[in-house]
Protein backbone atom coordinates (compact mmCIF):
# COMPACT_ATOMS: atom_id res chain seq x y z
CA UNK A 1 0.00 0.00 0.00
CA UNK A 2 1.38 3.36 -1.00
CA UNK A 3 1.64 6.17 1.54
CA UNK A 4 0.11 9.59 0.98
CA UNK A 5 3.31 11.19 -0.29
CA UNK A 6 3.79 8.48 -2.92
CA UNK A 7 0.20 8.90 -4.12
CA UNK A 8 0.61 12.68 -4.22
CA UNK A 9 3.79 12.39 -6.28
CA UNK A 10 2.07 10.06 -8.74
CA UNK A 11 -1.00 12.29 -8.94
CA UNK A 12 1.20 15.31 -9.65
CA UNK A 13 2.90 13.27 -12.39
CA UNK A 14 -0.50 12.80 -14.05
CA UNK A 15 -1.66 9.46 -12.64
CA UNK A 16 -5.40 10.00 -12.13
CA UNK A 17 -5.80 6.65 -10.36
CA UNK A 18 -3.40 7.85 -7.64
CA UNK A 19 -5.67 10.78 -6.83
CA UNK A 20 -8.70 8.49 -6.99
CA UNK A 21 -7.01 6.38 -4.31
CA UNK A 22 -6.53 9.52 -2.17
CA UNK A 23 -10.25 10.24 -2.54
CA UNK A 24 -11.17 6.65 -1.60
CA UNK A 25 -8.84 6.82 1.40
CA UNK A 26 -10.16 10.11 2.80
CA UNK A 27 -13.73 10.59 1.54
CA UNK A 28 -15.41 9.10 4.62
CA UNK A 29 -13.09 11.02 6.97
CA UNK A 30 -13.80 14.33 5.21
CA UNK A 31 -17.55 13.65 5.10
CA UNK A 32 -17.69 12.73 8.82
CA UNK A 33 -15.67 15.85 9.64
CA UNK A 34 -18.07 18.08 7.66
CA UNK A 35 -21.36 16.64 8.88
CA UNK A 36 -21.35 18.42 12.28
CA UNK A 37 -20.75 21.75 10.52
CA UNK A 38 -23.55 21.36 8.00
CA UNK A 39 -26.09 19.23 9.91
CA UNK A 40 -27.18 17.96 6.49
CA UNK A 41 -25.81 14.94 4.62
CA UNK A 42 -26.42 16.41 1.15
CA UNK A 43 -24.54 19.60 2.01
CA UNK A 44 -21.73 17.58 3.60
CA UNK A 45 -21.46 15.52 0.40
CA UNK A 46 -21.34 18.67 -1.76
CA UNK A 47 -18.70 20.29 0.44
CA UNK A 48 -16.66 17.08 0.48
CA UNK A 49 -16.73 17.04 -3.32
CA UNK A 50 -15.64 20.69 -3.42
CA UNK A 51 -12.89 19.87 -0.92
CA UNK A 52 -11.40 17.21 -3.17
CA UNK A 53 -11.65 19.49 -6.22
CA UNK A 54 -9.74 22.18 -4.31
CA UNK A 55 -7.22 19.60 -3.10
CA UNK A 56 -6.68 18.40 -6.68
CA UNK A 57 -6.15 21.96 -7.92
CA UNK A 58 -3.77 22.81 -5.07
CA UNK A 59 -1.97 19.47 -4.67
CA UNK A 60 1.30 21.06 -5.81
CA UNK A 61 1.10 23.43 -2.82
CA UNK A 62 1.04 20.66 -0.23
CA UNK A 63 4.30 20.62 1.70
CA UNK A 64 5.10 17.43 3.61
CA UNK A 65 7.31 19.26 6.10
CA UNK A 66 4.37 21.42 7.22
CA UNK A 67 2.37 18.46 8.53
CA UNK A 68 0.26 15.46 7.71
CA UNK A 69 -1.64 15.33 4.43
CA UNK A 70 -4.83 14.46 6.33
CA UNK A 71 -4.52 17.68 8.37
CA UNK A 72 -3.95 19.68 5.17
CA UNK A 73 -7.00 18.10 3.55
CA UNK A 74 -9.24 18.69 6.59
CA UNK A 75 -8.11 22.32 6.70
CA UNK A 76 -9.34 22.68 3.11
CA UNK A 77 -12.60 20.98 4.16
CA UNK A 78 -13.02 23.36 7.10
CA UNK A 79 -12.41 26.43 4.94
CA UNK A 80 -14.80 25.15 2.28
CA UNK A 81 -17.47 24.54 4.95
CA UNK A 82 -17.01 28.05 6.34
CA UNK A 83 -17.36 29.51 2.84
CA UNK A 84 -20.55 27.49 2.41
CA UNK A 85 -21.94 28.68 5.77
CA UNK A 86 -21.14 32.29 4.93
CA UNK A 87 -23.06 31.97 1.65
CA UNK A 88 -26.02 30.51 3.56
CA UNK A 89 -25.71 33.34 6.10
CA UNK A 90 -25.68 30.72 8.84
CA UNK A 91 -23.60 31.72 11.84
CA UNK A 92 -22.45 28.91 14.13
CA UNK A 93 -22.60 29.78 17.82
CA UNK A 94 -18.80 29.38 17.98
CA UNK A 95 -18.45 32.70 16.15
CA UNK A 96 -19.56 34.47 19.35
CA UNK A 97 -16.39 33.39 21.14
CA UNK A 98 -13.61 35.76 22.04
CA UNK A 99 -9.92 35.03 21.35
CA UNK A 100 -9.64 32.96 24.54
CA UNK A 101 -12.55 30.72 23.58
CA UNK A 102 -15.01 32.19 26.10
CA UNK A 103 -18.61 32.09 24.97
CA UNK A 104 -21.24 34.13 26.82
CA UNK A 105 -23.95 31.61 25.87
CA UNK A 106 -22.61 28.69 27.85
CA UNK A 107 -21.73 27.82 31.42
CA UNK A 108 -20.40 24.47 32.55
CA UNK A 109 -19.72 23.78 36.21
CA UNK A 110 -18.63 20.12 36.23
CA UNK A 111 -14.83 19.84 36.26
CA UNK A 112 -14.55 16.02 36.49
CA UNK A 113 -12.80 14.43 33.47
CA UNK A 114 -14.24 11.51 31.55
CA UNK A 115 -11.90 8.53 31.17
CA UNK A 116 -10.50 8.27 27.65
CA UNK A 117 -11.13 4.53 27.61
CA UNK A 118 -14.86 5.07 27.06
CA UNK A 119 -14.22 6.29 23.51
CA UNK A 120 -11.90 3.37 22.73
CA UNK A 121 -14.45 0.59 23.18
CA UNK A 122 -15.29 -0.73 19.74
CA UNK A 123 -18.49 -2.44 20.81
CA UNK A 124 -20.12 0.90 21.70
CA UNK A 125 -18.94 2.86 18.63
CA UNK A 126 -22.36 3.10 16.97
CA UNK A 127 -24.16 4.33 20.08
CA UNK A 128 -21.26 6.66 20.82
CA UNK A 129 -21.66 8.33 17.42
CA UNK A 130 -25.34 8.93 18.18
CA UNK A 131 -24.45 10.49 21.52
CA UNK A 132 -21.68 12.60 19.95
CA UNK A 133 -24.22 14.04 17.52
CA UNK A 134 -26.27 15.19 20.52
CA UNK A 135 -23.36 17.25 21.89
CA UNK A 136 -22.91 20.94 21.04
CA UNK A 137 -21.54 21.14 17.51
CA UNK A 138 -18.25 22.83 18.45
CA UNK A 139 -17.24 19.75 20.51
CA UNK A 140 -18.03 17.15 17.85
CA UNK A 141 -15.12 17.71 15.44
CA UNK A 142 -12.61 17.96 18.30
CA UNK A 143 -13.68 14.64 19.84
CA UNK A 144 -13.95 12.87 16.49
CA UNK A 145 -10.57 14.10 15.25
CA UNK A 146 -8.87 13.29 18.56
CA UNK A 147 -10.33 9.87 19.35
CA UNK A 148 -11.36 8.52 15.97
CA UNK A 149 -8.72 9.98 13.66
CA UNK A 150 -5.81 10.15 16.12
CA UNK A 151 -4.89 13.82 15.75
CA UNK A 152 -3.34 15.59 18.72
CA UNK A 153 -4.88 18.80 20.08
CA UNK A 154 -2.32 21.06 18.36
CA UNK A 155 -3.11 19.48 14.98
CA UNK A 156 -6.83 19.85 15.63
CA UNK A 157 -6.33 23.52 16.48
CA UNK A 158 -4.59 23.98 13.14
CA UNK A 159 -7.29 22.09 11.24
CA UNK A 160 -10.11 24.06 12.87
CA UNK A 161 -8.25 27.37 12.72
CA UNK A 162 -8.72 27.95 16.44
CA UNK A 163 -6.30 28.76 19.26
CA UNK A 164 -4.86 25.70 21.00
CA UNK A 165 -6.34 26.74 24.35
CA UNK A 166 -9.80 26.92 22.76
CA UNK A 167 -9.43 23.40 21.39
CA UNK A 168 -8.18 22.16 24.77
CA UNK A 169 -11.22 23.73 26.41
CA UNK A 170 -13.60 22.23 23.83
CA UNK A 171 -11.98 18.83 24.34
CA UNK A 172 -12.41 19.00 28.12
CA UNK A 173 -15.94 20.42 27.90
CA UNK A 174 -16.88 17.89 25.24
CA UNK A 175 -15.74 15.06 27.49
CA UNK A 176 -17.78 16.51 30.37
CA UNK A 177 -20.87 16.81 28.17
CA UNK A 178 -20.29 13.27 26.94
CA UNK A 179 -20.01 12.05 30.53
CA UNK A 180 -23.32 13.70 31.39
CA UNK A 181 -25.00 11.99 28.42
CA UNK A 182 -23.49 8.63 29.36
CA UNK A 183 -24.61 8.98 32.97
CA UNK A 184 -28.16 9.97 32.03
CA UNK A 185 -30.87 7.67 33.45
CA UNK A 186 -31.74 4.84 31.10
CA UNK A 187 -28.51 4.97 29.14
CA UNK A 188 -27.42 1.36 28.60
CA UNK A 189 -24.18 2.21 26.79
CA UNK A 190 -21.98 1.31 29.76
CA UNK A 191 -22.65 -1.66 31.97
């Protein structure tokens, strides 16, 4: 199996099948990343398609030394989603945050962390995705990119175009919100 850099080199040399392999490799990741932004599968599909068109056009600009290809691709996806939201005049609540990530519309008092192992259990993955979709939308991409895709918080901050401290806060708050959902009466996710 070829790595990303080998596929990129072949695609830049004119091998269309190499870029098709990149699309196959990352389409689901890009789509799952976009869905919390759009809240609509059709829009997420359209933005994912636009993302890969932009990636194809700008493939020569990708620099391996600046980071992982996946991070570069998800940054394009994020920017494409923001352009889409601007055109729709939709304003996500995260735009009300100041530079430190403080949002006047939320208050969270619980400071207890949720154990990371909860997200690693494969047998609860489907139910976990349902619960993640119930969380505030700013937490969803952070938790998905961290636990499902294996990015560290600094990489996620770069992908989302947010300060590292904001991403750290969203990660912690997302885990607290997830803990509350998991501890809700009647939740059979954890035995």
